[in-house]
Amino acid sequence: MGATMTKKELLLEQSEELLKVLKDRFEKNMNRHKGLEWGKIQAKLAENTEKLWSLNEMEKTEGEPDVVGFDEERNEYIFIDCSQESPKGRRSVCYDQEALESRKKHKPENSAINMATSMGIELLTEDQYRELQKLGKFDMKTSSWVQTPADIRKLGGALFCDFRYGNVFVYHNGADSYYAARGFRGSLRV
């Protein structure tokens, strides 16, 4: 008997509930998406049920996803986690699977890259993180892993960002480290 693939779709009731939450957040935070219309975004989400499932995963882990832009060239809306602090349901994780496997003791339950992949999202880049900070003040008490260049990762490191003293700071840590106040923020294109 073959393995069954899990379909990444929400029940109608779940979809309707999530769309209401996303619409309310969209309307309360118009500064994040000037010139964009909710009706067009909702229509795009209706065509992409797997993306709606990913947004629900972002919401379930307390990321508070919201639209932060539109890529005209690719005809895609860009959602990013806009929770004030790094999403609670995604903290205490190391950077990636290699880092998880390298820990001999006190392994975290998961890694940021594994979680993002299973949710169908990507970790923010440093540039996306800096753009997010132009929309408000995020990670004033927490920090978030960001995509790390291959040369840094190859040497065992990984990057994370936070916002302190009115500035975005980019730091490094061993990729196998994890902290209760460090998670990751994701992005999703729809």
C-alpha atoms as a PDB file:
ATOM      1  CA  MET A   1       0.000   0.000   0.000  1.00  0.00           C
ATOM      2  CA  GLY A   2       1.465   3.374  -1.021  1.00  0.00           C
ATOM      3  CA  ALA A   3       1.791   6.372   1.253  1.00  0.00           C
ATOM      4  CA  THR A   4      -1.046   8.852   0.990  1.00  0.00           C
ATOM      5  CA  MET A   5      -0.193  12.473   0.336  1.00  0.00           C
ATOM      6  CA  THR A   6      -1.791  14.907   2.714  1.00  0.00           C
ATOM      7  CA  LYS A   7      -3.734  17.503   0.819  1.00  0.00           C
ATOM      8  CA  LYS A   8      -2.859  20.998   1.917  1.00  0.00           C
ATOM      9  CA  GLU A   9      -6.352  22.438   1.886  1.00  0.00           C
ATOM     10  CA  LEU A  10      -8.625  23.915   4.499  1.00  0.00           C
ATOM     11  CA  LEU A  11     -12.238  23.042   5.107  1.00  0.00           C
ATOM     12  CA  LEU A  12     -14.682  25.664   3.839  1.00  0.00           C
ATOM     13  CA  GLU A  13     -15.419  26.842   7.382  1.00  0.00           C
ATOM     14  CA  GLN A  14     -11.679  27.200   8.147  1.00  0.00           C
ATOM     15  CA  SER A  15     -11.124  29.123   4.903  1.00  0.00           C
ATOM     16  CA  GLU A  16     -13.960  31.534   5.638  1.00  0.00           C
ATOM     17  CA  GLU A  17     -12.711  32.122   9.189  1.00  0.00           C
ATOM     18  CA  LEU A  18      -9.136  32.733   8.013  1.00  0.00           C
ATOM     19  CA  LEU A  19     -10.260  35.106   5.243  1.00  0.00           C
ATOM     20  CA  LYS A  20     -12.213  37.128   7.812  1.00  0.00           C
ATOM     21  CA  VAL A  21      -9.135  37.384  10.068  1.00  0.00           C
ATOM     22  CA  LEU A  22      -6.915  38.381   7.117  1.00  0.00           C
ATOM     23  CA  LYS A  23      -9.438  40.957   5.864  1.00  0.00           C
ATOM     24  CA  ASP A  24      -9.773  42.517   9.342  1.00  0.00           C
ATOM     25  CA  ARG A  25      -5.982  42.717   9.702  1.00  0.00           C
ATOM     26  CA  PHE A  26      -5.687  44.171   6.183  1.00  0.00           C
ATOM     27  CA  GLU A  27      -8.236  46.897   6.971  1.00  0.00           C
ATOM     28  CA  LYS A  28      -6.669  47.780  10.344  1.00  0.00           C
ATOM     29  CA  ASN A  29      -3.172  48.152   8.862  1.00  0.00           C
ATOM     30  CA  MET A  30      -3.623  50.036   5.595  1.00  0.00           C
ATOM     31  CA  ASN A  31      -0.158  51.609   5.992  1.00  0.00           C
ATOM     32  CA  ARG A  32       1.339  48.208   5.107  1.00  0.00           C
ATOM     33  CA  HIS A  33      -0.304  47.981   1.687  1.00  0.00           C
ATOM     34  CA  LYS A  34      -1.273  51.363   0.298  1.00  0.00           C
ATOM     35  CA  GLY A  35      -3.115  51.186  -3.011  1.00  0.00           C
ATOM     36  CA  LEU A  36      -4.009  47.493  -2.731  1.00  0.00           C
ATOM     37  CA  GLU A  37      -7.602  46.230  -2.675  1.00  0.00           C
ATOM     38  CA  TRP A  38      -8.769  43.362  -0.490  1.00  0.00           C
ATOM     39  CA  GLY A  39     -11.229  42.068  -3.116  1.00  0.00           C
ATOM     40  CA  LYS A  40      -8.431  41.332  -5.594  1.00  0.00           C
ATOM     41  CA  ILE A  41      -6.335  39.654  -2.902  1.00  0.00           C
ATOM     42  CA  GLN A  42      -9.252  37.500  -1.776  1.00  0.00           C
ATOM     43  CA  ALA A  43      -9.942  36.445  -5.383  1.00  0.00           C
ATOM     44  CA  LYS A  44      -6.295  35.415  -5.775  1.00  0.00           C
ATOM     45  CA  LEU A  45      -6.466  33.422  -2.527  1.00  0.00           C
ATOM     46  CA  ALA A  46      -9.628  31.638  -3.727  1.00  0.00           C
ATOM     47  CA  GLU A  47      -7.641  30.388  -6.745  1.00  0.00           C
ATOM     48  CA  ASN A  48      -4.733  29.190  -4.577  1.00  0.00           C
ATOM     49  CA  THR A  49      -6.081  26.907  -1.848  1.00  0.00           C
ATOM     50  CA  GLU A  50      -2.625  25.576  -0.982  1.00  0.00           C
ATOM     51  CA  LYS A  51      -1.405  29.151  -0.367  1.00  0.00           C
ATOM     52  CA  LEU A  52      -4.437  29.728   1.858  1.00  0.00           C
ATOM     53  CA  TRP A  53      -3.406  26.595   3.779  1.00  0.00           C
ATOM     54  CA  SER A  54       0.104  28.074   4.215  1.00  0.00           C
ATOM     55  CA  LEU A  55      -1.364  31.357   5.479  1.00  0.00           C
ATOM     56  CA  ASN A  56      -3.375  29.357   7.984  1.00  0.00           C
ATOM     57  CA  GLU A  57      -0.156  27.673   9.168  1.00  0.00           C
ATOM     58  CA  MET A  58       1.379  31.143   9.591  1.00  0.00           C
ATOM     59  CA  GLU A  59      -1.683  32.237  11.556  1.00  0.00           C
ATOM     60  CA  LYS A  60      -1.765  29.089  13.744  1.00  0.00           C
ATOM     61  CA  THR A  61       1.837  29.715  14.824  1.00  0.00           C
ATOM     62  CA  GLU A  62       0.916  33.336  15.711  1.00  0.00           C
ATOM     63  CA  GLY A  63       2.699  35.022  12.813  1.00  0.00           C
ATOM     64  CA  GLU A  64      -0.197  37.380  12.004  1.00  0.00           C
ATOM     65  CA  PRO A  65       0.466  37.372   8.228  1.00  0.00           C
ATOM     66  CA  ASP A  66      -0.486  40.482   6.271  1.00  0.00           C
ATOM     67  CA  VAL A  67      -0.030  41.764   2.725  1.00  0.00           C
ATOM     68  CA  VAL A  68       3.005  44.033   2.436  1.00  0.00           C
ATOM     69  CA  GLY A  69       3.280  44.442  -1.304  1.00  0.00           C
ATOM     70  CA  PHE A  70       2.462  43.417  -4.844  1.00  0.00           C
ATOM     71  CA  ASP A  71       4.994  42.205  -7.405  1.00  0.00           C
ATOM     72  CA  GLU A  72       3.574  43.506 -10.697  1.00  0.00           C
ATOM     73  CA  GLU A  73       6.079  41.607 -12.817  1.00  0.00           C
ATOM     74  CA  ARG A  74       5.072  38.257 -11.305  1.00  0.00           C
ATOM     75  CA  ASN A  75       1.449  39.259 -10.548  1.00  0.00           C
ATOM     76  CA  GLU A  76       1.838  38.112  -6.921  1.00  0.00           C
ATOM     77  CA  TYR A  77       0.829  39.534  -3.558  1.00  0.00           C
ATOM     78  CA  ILE A  78       3.459  39.263  -0.840  1.00  0.00           C
ATOM     79  CA  PHE A  79       2.422  38.221   2.666  1.00  0.00           C
ATOM     80  CA  ILE A  80       4.832  38.487   5.610  1.00  0.00           C
ATOM     81  CA  ASP A  81       4.486  37.663   9.309  1.00  0.00           C
ATOM     82  CA  CYS A  82       3.646  40.954  11.012  1.00  0.00           C
ATOM     83  CA  SER A  83       3.351  39.823  14.647  1.00  0.00           C
ATOM     84  CA  GLN A  84       4.947  42.342  16.990  1.00  0.00           C
ATOM     85  CA  GLU A  85       7.441  39.759  18.223  1.00  0.00           C
ATOM     86  CA  SER A  86       8.853  36.694  16.482  1.00  0.00           C
ATOM     87  CA  PRO A  87       5.939  34.214  16.141  1.00  0.00           C
ATOM     88  CA  LYS A  88       5.442  32.303  19.405  1.00  0.00           C
ATOM     89  CA  GLY A  89       4.703  29.010  17.704  1.00  0.00           C
ATOM     90  CA  ARG A  90       8.057  29.086  15.895  1.00  0.00           C
ATOM     91  CA  ARG A  91      10.563  29.837  18.642  1.00  0.00           C
ATOM     92  CA  SER A  92      13.251  27.673  20.257  1.00  0.00           C
ATOM     93  CA  VAL A  93      14.358  26.264  16.911  1.00  0.00           C
ATOM     94  CA  CYS A  94      17.830  26.005  15.441  1.00  0.00           C
ATOM     95  CA  TYR A  95      18.496  27.128  11.866  1.00  0.00           C
ATOM     96  CA  ASP A  96      18.277  24.002   9.658  1.00  0.00           C
ATOM     97  CA  GLN A  97      18.299  20.178   9.554  1.00  0.00           C
ATOM     98  CA  GLU A  98      22.098  19.976   9.440  1.00  0.00           C
ATOM     99  CA  ALA A  99      22.280  22.075  12.612  1.00  0.00           C
ATOM    100  CA  LEU A 100      19.617  19.918  14.270  1.00  0.00           C
ATOM    101  CA  GLU A 101      21.532  16.732  13.460  1.00  0.00           C
ATOM    102  CA  SER A 102      24.829  18.191  14.691  1.00  0.00           C
ATOM    103  CA  ARG A 103      23.532  18.726  18.234  1.00  0.00           C
ATOM    104  CA  LYS A 104      24.536  15.893  20.529  1.00  0.00           C
ATOM    105  CA  LYS A 105      22.551  17.042  23.587  1.00  0.00           C
ATOM    106  CA  HIS A 106      19.462  19.126  24.233  1.00  0.00           C
ATOM    107  CA  LYS A 107      18.218  19.124  20.666  1.00  0.00           C
ATOM    108  CA  PRO A 108      15.394  21.519  19.850  1.00  0.00           C
ATOM    109  CA  GLU A 109      12.226  19.969  18.469  1.00  0.00           C
ATOM    110  CA  ASN A 110      12.683  21.429  15.004  1.00  0.00           C
ATOM    111  CA  SER A 111      14.558  23.876  12.819  1.00  0.00           C
ATOM    112  CA  ALA A 112      13.449  27.117  11.191  1.00  0.00           C
ATOM    113  CA  ILE A 113      14.097  25.856   7.647  1.00  0.00           C
ATOM    114  CA  ASN A 114      12.232  22.567   8.247  1.00  0.00           C
ATOM    115  CA  MET A 115       9.240  24.380   9.732  1.00  0.00           C
ATOM    116  CA  ALA A 116       9.119  26.943   6.929  1.00  0.00           C
ATOM    117  CA  THR A 117       9.315  24.227   4.276  1.00  0.00           C
ATOM    118  CA  SER A 118       6.538  22.190   5.899  1.00  0.00           C
ATOM    119  CA  MET A 119       4.394  25.358   6.076  1.00  0.00           C
ATOM    120  CA  GLY A 120       5.045  26.201   2.413  1.00  0.00           C
ATOM    121  CA  ILE A 121       6.743  29.523   3.227  1.00  0.00           C
ATOM    122  CA  GLU A 122      10.273  30.962   3.123  1.00  0.00           C
ATOM    123  CA  LEU A 123      12.342  32.616   5.820  1.00  0.00           C
ATOM    124  CA  LEU A 124      12.675  36.348   5.304  1.00  0.00           C
ATOM    125  CA  THR A 125      15.859  37.620   3.733  1.00  0.00           C
ATOM    126  CA  GLU A 126      17.791  40.352   5.501  1.00  0.00           C
ATOM    127  CA  ASP A 127      16.436  42.858   2.948  1.00  0.00           C
ATOM    128  CA  GLN A 128      12.830  41.744   3.541  1.00  0.00           C
ATOM    129  CA  TYR A 129      13.408  42.051   7.286  1.00  0.00           C
ATOM    130  CA  ARG A 130      14.668  45.616   6.868  1.00  0.00           C
ATOM    131  CA  GLU A 131      11.647  46.458   4.668  1.00  0.00           C
ATOM    132  CA  LEU A 132       9.303  45.025   7.309  1.00  0.00           C
ATOM    133  CA  GLN A 133      10.819  47.338   9.922  1.00  0.00           C
ATOM    134  CA  LYS A 134       9.759  50.331   7.807  1.00  0.00           C
ATOM    135  CA  LEU A 135       6.135  49.309   8.482  1.00  0.00           C
ATOM    136  CA  GLY A 136       6.405  49.312  12.279  1.00  0.00           C
ATOM    137  CA  LYS A 137       8.600  48.174  15.134  1.00  0.00           C
ATOM    138  CA  PHE A 138       8.992  44.409  15.217  1.00  0.00           C
ATOM    139  CA  ASP A 139      11.169  42.096  17.347  1.00  0.00           C
ATOM    140  CA  MET A 140      11.893  44.656  20.041  1.00  0.00           C
ATOM    141  CA  LYS A 141      12.208  41.821  22.617  1.00  0.00           C
ATOM    142  CA  THR A 142      12.777  38.803  20.369  1.00  0.00           C
ATOM    143  CA  SER A 143      14.885  37.963  17.323  1.00  0.00           C
ATOM    144  CA  SER A 144      14.257  36.091  14.073  1.00  0.00           C
ATOM    145  CA  TRP A 145      16.416  33.801  11.966  1.00  0.00           C
ATOM    146  CA  VAL A 146      16.822  35.075   8.370  1.00  0.00           C
ATOM    147  CA  GLN A 147      18.057  33.393   5.206  1.00  0.00           C
ATOM    148  CA  THR A 148      21.783  32.878   5.532  1.00  0.00           C
ATOM    149  CA  PRO A 149      24.311  33.053   2.674  1.00  0.00           C
ATOM    150  CA  ALA A 150      25.813  29.653   1.773  1.00  0.00           C
ATOM    151  CA  ASP A 151      29.379  30.714   2.618  1.00  0.00           C
ATOM    152  CA  ILE A 152      28.396  31.619   6.190  1.00  0.00           C
ATOM    153  CA  ARG A 153      26.277  28.507   6.610  1.00  0.00           C
ATOM    154  CA  LYS A 154      29.095  26.298   5.275  1.00  0.00           C
ATOM    155  CA  LEU A 155      31.276  27.532   8.146  1.00  0.00           C
ATOM    156  CA  GLY A 156      28.602  26.612  10.717  1.00  0.00           C
ATOM    157  CA  GLY A 157      26.986  30.009  11.191  1.00  0.00           C
ATOM    158  CA  ALA A 158      23.532  31.448  10.598  1.00  0.00           C
ATOM    159  CA  LEU A 159      22.122  34.975  10.683  1.00  0.00           C
ATOM    160  CA  PHE A 160      19.335  36.498  12.733  1.00  0.00           C
ATOM    161  CA  CYS A 161      17.932  39.998  13.094  1.00  0.00           C
ATOM    162  CA  ASP A 162      16.189  42.102  15.699  1.00  0.00           C
ATOM    163  CA  PHE A 163      15.233  45.734  16.303  1.00  0.00           C
ATOM    164  CA  ARG A 164      16.944  47.593  19.160  1.00  0.00           C
ATOM    165  CA  TYR A 165      17.837  51.218  19.847  1.00  0.00           C
ATOM    166  CA  GLY A 166      15.853  52.354  16.814  1.00  0.00           C
ATOM    167  CA  ASN A 167      17.860  50.172  14.402  1.00  0.00           C
ATOM    168  CA  VAL A 168      17.830  46.773  12.730  1.00  0.00           C
ATOM    169  CA  PHE A 169      20.746  44.628  13.839  1.00  0.00           C
ATOM    170  CA  VAL A 170      22.019  41.589  11.975  1.00  0.00           C
ATOM    171  CA  TYR A 171      23.957  39.089  14.066  1.00  0.00           C
ATOM    172  CA  HIS A 172      25.427  35.633  13.713  1.00  0.00           C
ATOM    173  CA  ASN A 173      25.242  32.523  15.843  1.00  0.00           C
ATOM    174  CA  GLY A 174      26.125  28.896  15.457  1.00  0.00           C
ATOM    175  CA  ALA A 175      23.323  27.460  13.308  1.00  0.00           C
ATOM    176  CA  ASP A 176      22.708  24.826  15.990  1.00  0.00           C
ATOM    177  CA  SER A 177      21.859  27.417  18.669  1.00  0.00           C
ATOM    178  CA  TYR A 178      18.323  28.025  19.751  1.00  0.00           C
ATOM    179  CA  TYR A 179      16.704  30.360  22.241  1.00  0.00           C
ATOM    180  CA  ALA A 180      13.251  30.836  23.722  1.00  0.00           C
ATOM    181  CA  ALA A 181      13.162  34.368  22.307  1.00  0.00           C
ATOM    182  CA  ARG A 182      14.295  33.481  18.755  1.00  0.00           C
ATOM    183  CA  GLY A 183      12.013  32.221  16.042  1.00  0.00           C
ATOM    184  CA  PHE A 184      11.599  33.113  12.397  1.00  0.00           C
ATOM    185  CA  ARG A 185       9.361  35.210  10.189  1.00  0.00           C
ATOM    186  CA  GLY A 186       8.152  33.935   6.870  1.00  0.00           C
ATOM    187  CA  SER A 187       7.031  35.240   3.521  1.00  0.00           C
ATOM    188  CA  LEU A 188       4.555  33.833   1.054  1.00  0.00           C
ATOM    189  CA  ARG A 189       3.776  34.897  -2.513  1.00  0.00           C
ATOM    190  CA  VAL A 190       0.233  34.435  -3.792  1.00  0.00           C
END
